[in-house]
């Protein structure tokens, strides 16, 4: 059993390295097998396809991002401070671990994986619902609000580049927090 776990870990690490280095489209299962020192049949024992292997990495990224948010939440700060710090940490994570950004530019089918979008939006929705129940925020439609928060964050993860070098993660997090906290209307 331990040998199987080691093989699976070896396949995962080699695939991660190859996807990072060459991109999702350019890497074949043959190359992953060769670099892992296993047969293609062995890879298919763990992953049905190259897309399944990629989906494993996407789920891993989602779990890593959830862990960041939960770590910030454990500090028991007020809602808006939590949003600000979590956003900042997620943006820093994105910069250090650029995996989703790399693969999303290539993997056309990734945009159609509603499961991932739905998972993240449901997670955001649950956090917004708790904040509403505690009286921190008010909104008319929870689904629309979760969607907008998700799309704002995803645009920053995938599309935002260092166009404006003066904006760091904290400044971007502050902007998102202010939009969530105050909206756009001048009182």
C-alpha atoms as a PDB file:
ATOM      1  CA  UNK A   1       0.000   0.000   0.000  1.00  0.00           C
ATOM      2  CA  UNK A   2       2.821   2.401   0.866  1.00  0.00           C
ATOM      3  CA  UNK A   3       4.408   1.835  -2.565  1.00  0.00           C
ATOM      4  CA  UNK A   4       1.129   2.824  -4.246  1.00  0.00           C
ATOM      5  CA  UNK A   5       0.952   6.051  -2.228  1.00  0.00           C
ATOM      6  CA  UNK A   6       4.549   6.851  -3.142  1.00  0.00           C
ATOM      7  CA  UNK A   7       3.819   6.261  -6.846  1.00  0.00           C
ATOM      8  CA  UNK A   8       0.743   8.460  -6.728  1.00  0.00           C
ATOM      9  CA  UNK A   9       2.682  11.245  -4.966  1.00  0.00           C
ATOM     10  CA  UNK A  10       5.487  10.892  -7.492  1.00  0.00           C
ATOM     11  CA  UNK A  11       3.043  11.175 -10.408  1.00  0.00           C
ATOM     12  CA  UNK A  12       1.400  14.229  -8.833  1.00  0.00           C
ATOM     13  CA  UNK A  13       4.675  16.033  -8.220  1.00  0.00           C
ATOM     14  CA  UNK A  14       6.041  15.301 -11.693  1.00  0.00           C
ATOM     15  CA  UNK A  15       2.778  16.389 -13.351  1.00  0.00           C
ATOM     16  CA  UNK A  16       2.742  19.582 -11.271  1.00  0.00           C
ATOM     17  CA  UNK A  17       6.306  20.381 -12.318  1.00  0.00           C
ATOM     18  CA  UNK A  18       5.648  19.623 -16.003  1.00  0.00           C
ATOM     19  CA  UNK A  19       2.398  21.632 -16.081  1.00  0.00           C
ATOM     20  CA  UNK A  20       4.215  24.569 -14.475  1.00  0.00           C
ATOM     21  CA  UNK A  21       7.137  24.343 -16.832  1.00  0.00           C
ATOM     22  CA  UNK A  22       5.431  23.613 -20.154  1.00  0.00           C
ATOM     23  CA  UNK A  23       1.731  24.258 -19.601  1.00  0.00           C
ATOM     24  CA  UNK A  24      -1.197  21.875 -19.514  1.00  0.00           C
ATOM     25  CA  UNK A  25      -1.701  21.474 -23.272  1.00  0.00           C
ATOM     26  CA  UNK A  26       1.914  20.665 -24.116  1.00  0.00           C
ATOM     27  CA  UNK A  27       2.363  17.898 -21.547  1.00  0.00           C
ATOM     28  CA  UNK A  28       1.269  14.377 -22.458  1.00  0.00           C
ATOM     29  CA  UNK A  29       0.483  11.433 -20.223  1.00  0.00           C
ATOM     30  CA  UNK A  30       3.450   9.664 -21.875  1.00  0.00           C
ATOM     31  CA  UNK A  31       5.774  12.435 -20.658  1.00  0.00           C
ATOM     32  CA  UNK A  32       4.320  12.311 -17.156  1.00  0.00           C
ATOM     33  CA  UNK A  33       4.792   8.519 -17.089  1.00  0.00           C
ATOM     34  CA  UNK A  34       8.356   8.730 -18.404  1.00  0.00           C
ATOM     35  CA  UNK A  35       9.399  11.485 -15.966  1.00  0.00           C
ATOM     36  CA  UNK A  36       7.663   9.692 -13.063  1.00  0.00           C
ATOM     37  CA  UNK A  37       9.363   6.397 -13.844  1.00  0.00           C
ATOM     38  CA  UNK A  38       6.035   4.567 -14.116  1.00  0.00           C
ATOM     39  CA  UNK A  39       3.934   3.207 -16.941  1.00  0.00           C
ATOM     40  CA  UNK A  40       1.002   5.080 -18.408  1.00  0.00           C
ATOM     41  CA  UNK A  41      -1.190   2.252 -17.102  1.00  0.00           C
ATOM     42  CA  UNK A  42      -0.011   3.088 -13.572  1.00  0.00           C
ATOM     43  CA  UNK A  43      -1.027   6.727 -14.023  1.00  0.00           C
ATOM     44  CA  UNK A  44      -4.477   5.667 -15.240  1.00  0.00           C
ATOM     45  CA  UNK A  45      -4.877   3.615 -12.068  1.00  0.00           C
ATOM     46  CA  UNK A  46      -4.996   6.928 -10.178  1.00  0.00           C
ATOM     47  CA  UNK A  47      -6.276   9.391 -12.782  1.00  0.00           C
ATOM     48  CA  UNK A  48      -8.721   8.615 -15.624  1.00  0.00           C
ATOM     49  CA  UNK A  49      -7.292  11.318 -17.873  1.00  0.00           C
ATOM     50  CA  UNK A  50      -4.973  14.292 -18.020  1.00  0.00           C
ATOM     51  CA  UNK A  51      -7.998  16.461 -17.242  1.00  0.00           C
ATOM     52  CA  UNK A  52      -8.664  14.398 -14.098  1.00  0.00           C
ATOM     53  CA  UNK A  53      -5.087  15.020 -13.011  1.00  0.00           C
ATOM     54  CA  UNK A  54      -5.540  18.723 -13.633  1.00  0.00           C
ATOM     55  CA  UNK A  55      -8.808  18.681 -11.706  1.00  0.00           C
ATOM     56  CA  UNK A  56      -6.895  17.165  -8.769  1.00  0.00           C
ATOM     57  CA  UNK A  57      -4.606  20.228  -8.797  1.00  0.00           C
ATOM     58  CA  UNK A  58      -7.534  22.600  -9.021  1.00  0.00           C
ATOM     59  CA  UNK A  59      -9.234  20.957  -6.030  1.00  0.00           C
ATOM     60  CA  UNK A  60      -5.933  21.163  -4.150  1.00  0.00           C
ATOM     61  CA  UNK A  61      -5.742  24.898  -4.908  1.00  0.00           C
ATOM     62  CA  UNK A  62      -9.311  25.400  -3.700  1.00  0.00           C
ATOM     63  CA  UNK A  63      -8.486  23.586  -0.444  1.00  0.00           C
ATOM     64  CA  UNK A  64      -5.352  25.730   0.017  1.00  0.00           C
ATOM     65  CA  UNK A  65      -7.369  28.910  -0.493  1.00  0.00           C
ATOM     66  CA  UNK A  66     -10.062  27.730   1.940  1.00  0.00           C
ATOM     67  CA  UNK A  67      -7.358  27.035   4.526  1.00  0.00           C
ATOM     68  CA  UNK A  68      -6.076  30.598   4.147  1.00  0.00           C
ATOM     69  CA  UNK A  69      -9.555  32.029   4.702  1.00  0.00           C
ATOM     70  CA  UNK A  70     -10.223  29.760   7.690  1.00  0.00           C
ATOM     71  CA  UNK A  71      -6.881  30.682   9.265  1.00  0.00           C
ATOM     72  CA  UNK A  72      -7.771  34.374   9.002  1.00  0.00           C
ATOM     73  CA  UNK A  73     -11.285  33.706  10.342  1.00  0.00           C
ATOM     74  CA  UNK A  74      -9.824  31.974  13.395  1.00  0.00           C
ATOM     75  CA  UNK A  75      -8.486  35.360  14.550  1.00  0.00           C
ATOM     76  CA  UNK A  76     -12.085  36.421  15.318  1.00  0.00           C
ATOM     77  CA  UNK A  77     -11.727  39.898  13.800  1.00  0.00           C
ATOM     78  CA  UNK A  78     -14.731  41.883  12.609  1.00  0.00           C
ATOM     79  CA  UNK A  79     -16.169  40.841   9.246  1.00  0.00           C
ATOM     80  CA  UNK A  80     -14.596  43.607   7.152  1.00  0.00           C
ATOM     81  CA  UNK A  81     -11.136  43.190   8.682  1.00  0.00           C
ATOM     82  CA  UNK A  82     -11.432  39.467   7.960  1.00  0.00           C
ATOM     83  CA  UNK A  83     -12.404  40.147   4.327  1.00  0.00           C
ATOM     84  CA  UNK A  84      -9.503  42.564   3.969  1.00  0.00           C
ATOM     85  CA  UNK A  85      -6.849  40.284   5.473  1.00  0.00           C
ATOM     86  CA  UNK A  86      -8.132  37.150   3.716  1.00  0.00           C
ATOM     87  CA  UNK A  87      -8.178  38.930   0.350  1.00  0.00           C
ATOM     88  CA  UNK A  88      -4.656  40.222   0.882  1.00  0.00           C
ATOM     89  CA  UNK A  89      -3.358  36.780   1.855  1.00  0.00           C
ATOM     90  CA  UNK A  90      -5.136  35.148  -1.083  1.00  0.00           C
ATOM     91  CA  UNK A  91      -3.605  37.665  -3.490  1.00  0.00           C
ATOM     92  CA  UNK A  92      -0.150  37.001  -2.050  1.00  0.00           C
ATOM     93  CA  UNK A  93      -0.776  33.263  -2.351  1.00  0.00           C
ATOM     94  CA  UNK A  94      -1.785  33.779  -5.974  1.00  0.00           C
ATOM     95  CA  UNK A  95       1.452  35.618  -6.656  1.00  0.00           C
ATOM     96  CA  UNK A  96       3.597  32.931  -4.998  1.00  0.00           C
ATOM     97  CA  UNK A  97       1.641  29.941  -6.355  1.00  0.00           C
ATOM     98  CA  UNK A  98       0.660  30.999  -9.843  1.00  0.00           C
ATOM     99  CA  UNK A  99      -0.621  27.549 -10.840  1.00  0.00           C
ATOM    100  CA  UNK A 100      -4.278  28.416 -11.482  1.00  0.00           C
ATOM    101  CA  UNK A 101      -3.268  31.443 -13.505  1.00  0.00           C
ATOM    102  CA  UNK A 102      -0.927  29.359 -15.697  1.00  0.00           C
ATOM    103  CA  UNK A 103      -3.401  26.607 -16.462  1.00  0.00           C
ATOM    104  CA  UNK A 104      -6.483  28.787 -16.824  1.00  0.00           C
ATOM    105  CA  UNK A 105      -4.918  30.607 -19.753  1.00  0.00           C
ATOM    106  CA  UNK A 106      -4.523  27.327 -21.624  1.00  0.00           C
ATOM    107  CA  UNK A 107      -7.218  24.957 -20.512  1.00  0.00           C
ATOM    108  CA  UNK A 108     -10.316  26.157 -22.370  1.00  0.00           C
ATOM    109  CA  UNK A 109     -12.435  23.495 -20.696  1.00  0.00           C
ATOM    110  CA  UNK A 110     -11.483  24.889 -17.273  1.00  0.00           C
ATOM    111  CA  UNK A 111     -13.840  27.812 -17.827  1.00  0.00           C
ATOM    112  CA  UNK A 112     -16.663  25.317 -18.270  1.00  0.00           C
ATOM    113  CA  UNK A 113     -16.068  23.416 -15.061  1.00  0.00           C
ATOM    114  CA  UNK A 114     -19.157  24.637 -13.253  1.00  0.00           C
ATOM    115  CA  UNK A 115     -18.340  22.385 -10.321  1.00  0.00           C
ATOM    116  CA  UNK A 116     -15.378  24.531  -9.340  1.00  0.00           C
ATOM    117  CA  UNK A 117     -17.242  27.812  -9.769  1.00  0.00           C
ATOM    118  CA  UNK A 118     -20.191  26.443  -7.829  1.00  0.00           C
ATOM    119  CA  UNK A 119     -17.996  25.152  -4.993  1.00  0.00           C
ATOM    120  CA  UNK A 120     -16.260  28.486  -4.517  1.00  0.00           C
ATOM    121  CA  UNK A 121     -19.457  30.522  -4.850  1.00  0.00           C
ATOM    122  CA  UNK A 122     -21.243  28.297  -2.332  1.00  0.00           C
ATOM    123  CA  UNK A 123     -18.352  28.758   0.082  1.00  0.00           C
ATOM    124  CA  UNK A 124     -18.516  32.541  -0.350  1.00  0.00           C
ATOM    125  CA  UNK A 125     -22.309  32.410  -0.020  1.00  0.00           C
ATOM    126  CA  UNK A 126     -22.046  30.555   3.304  1.00  0.00           C
ATOM    127  CA  UNK A 127     -19.625  33.191   4.623  1.00  0.00           C
ATOM    128  CA  UNK A 128     -21.880  36.025   3.445  1.00  0.00           C
ATOM    129  CA  UNK A 129     -24.940  34.363   4.997  1.00  0.00           C
ATOM    130  CA  UNK A 130     -23.187  34.133   8.371  1.00  0.00           C
ATOM    131  CA  UNK A 131     -22.133  37.788   8.102  1.00  0.00           C
ATOM    132  CA  UNK A 132     -25.735  38.791   7.302  1.00  0.00           C
ATOM    133  CA  UNK A 133     -27.092  36.764  10.237  1.00  0.00           C
ATOM    134  CA  UNK A 134     -24.663  38.562  12.543  1.00  0.00           C
ATOM    135  CA  UNK A 135     -25.769  41.926  11.153  1.00  0.00           C
ATOM    136  CA  UNK A 136     -22.472  42.870   9.507  1.00  0.00           C
ATOM    137  CA  UNK A 137     -23.821  43.179   5.981  1.00  0.00           C
ATOM    138  CA  UNK A 138     -27.108  43.548   4.142  1.00  0.00           C
ATOM    139  CA  UNK A 139     -27.967  42.514   0.606  1.00  0.00           C
ATOM    140  CA  UNK A 140     -31.014  41.730  -1.459  1.00  0.00           C
ATOM    141  CA  UNK A 141     -29.888  38.614  -3.295  1.00  0.00           C
ATOM    142  CA  UNK A 142     -27.343  36.285  -1.716  1.00  0.00           C
ATOM    143  CA  UNK A 143     -26.643  34.426  -4.981  1.00  0.00           C
ATOM    144  CA  UNK A 144     -25.910  37.618  -6.913  1.00  0.00           C
ATOM    145  CA  UNK A 145     -23.731  38.986  -4.113  1.00  0.00           C
ATOM    146  CA  UNK A 146     -21.699  35.758  -3.870  1.00  0.00           C
ATOM    147  CA  UNK A 147     -21.340  35.729  -7.656  1.00  0.00           C
ATOM    148  CA  UNK A 148     -20.063  39.321  -7.730  1.00  0.00           C
ATOM    149  CA  UNK A 149     -17.583  38.767  -4.897  1.00  0.00           C
ATOM    150  CA  UNK A 150     -16.333  35.605  -6.621  1.00  0.00           C
ATOM    151  CA  UNK A 151     -15.987  37.276 -10.029  1.00  0.00           C
ATOM    152  CA  UNK A 152     -14.187  40.266  -8.526  1.00  0.00           C
ATOM    153  CA  UNK A 153     -11.686  37.971  -6.833  1.00  0.00           C
ATOM    154  CA  UNK A 154     -11.253  35.714  -9.906  1.00  0.00           C
ATOM    155  CA  UNK A 155     -10.643  38.723 -12.137  1.00  0.00           C
ATOM    156  CA  UNK A 156      -7.845  39.760  -9.794  1.00  0.00           C
ATOM    157  CA  UNK A 157      -6.384  36.259  -9.650  1.00  0.00           C
ATOM    158  CA  UNK A 158      -6.474  35.525 -13.358  1.00  0.00           C
ATOM    159  CA  UNK A 159      -6.615  38.826 -15.203  1.00  0.00           C
ATOM    160  CA  UNK A 160      -4.889  41.356 -12.993  1.00  0.00           C
ATOM    161  CA  UNK A 161      -1.267  41.838 -13.869  1.00  0.00           C
ATOM    162  CA  UNK A 162       1.200  44.314 -12.513  1.00  0.00           C
ATOM    163  CA  UNK A 163      -0.103  47.009 -14.881  1.00  0.00           C
ATOM    164  CA  UNK A 164       0.037  49.474 -12.035  1.00  0.00           C
ATOM    165  CA  UNK A 165       3.141  48.633 -10.048  1.00  0.00           C
ATOM    166  CA  UNK A 166       2.091  51.004  -7.267  1.00  0.00           C
ATOM    167  CA  UNK A 167      -0.829  48.750  -6.271  1.00  0.00           C
ATOM    168  CA  UNK A 168       0.211  45.914  -3.998  1.00  0.00           C
ATOM    169  CA  UNK A 169      -1.929  43.126  -2.535  1.00  0.00           C
ATOM    170  CA  UNK A 170      -2.902  45.230   0.483  1.00  0.00           C
ATOM    171  CA  UNK A 171      -4.094  48.128  -1.662  1.00  0.00           C
ATOM    172  CA  UNK A 172      -6.166  45.765  -3.820  1.00  0.00           C
ATOM    173  CA  UNK A 173      -7.582  44.072  -0.694  1.00  0.00           C
ATOM    174  CA  UNK A 174      -8.447  47.485   0.744  1.00  0.00           C
ATOM    175  CA  UNK A 175     -10.281  48.394  -2.478  1.00  0.00           C
ATOM    176  CA  UNK A 176     -12.320  45.187  -2.434  1.00  0.00           C
ATOM    177  CA  UNK A 177     -13.126  45.613   1.259  1.00  0.00           C
ATOM    178  CA  UNK A 178     -14.268  49.203   0.705  1.00  0.00           C
ATOM    179  CA  UNK A 179     -16.545  48.173  -2.183  1.00  0.00           C
ATOM    180  CA  UNK A 180     -18.065  45.437  -0.037  1.00  0.00           C
ATOM    181  CA  UNK A 181     -18.324  47.643   3.042  1.00  0.00           C
ATOM    182  CA  UNK A 182     -19.547  50.915   1.551  1.00  0.00           C
ATOM    183  CA  UNK A 183     -20.570  50.148  -2.017  1.00  0.00           C
ATOM    184  CA  UNK A 184     -19.910  52.741  -4.684  1.00  0.00           C
ATOM    185  CA  UNK A 185     -22.428  55.397  -3.697  1.00  0.00           C
ATOM    186  CA  UNK A 186     -21.181  58.583  -2.120  1.00  0.00           C
ATOM    187  CA  UNK A 187     -23.263  59.415   0.930  1.00  0.00           C
END
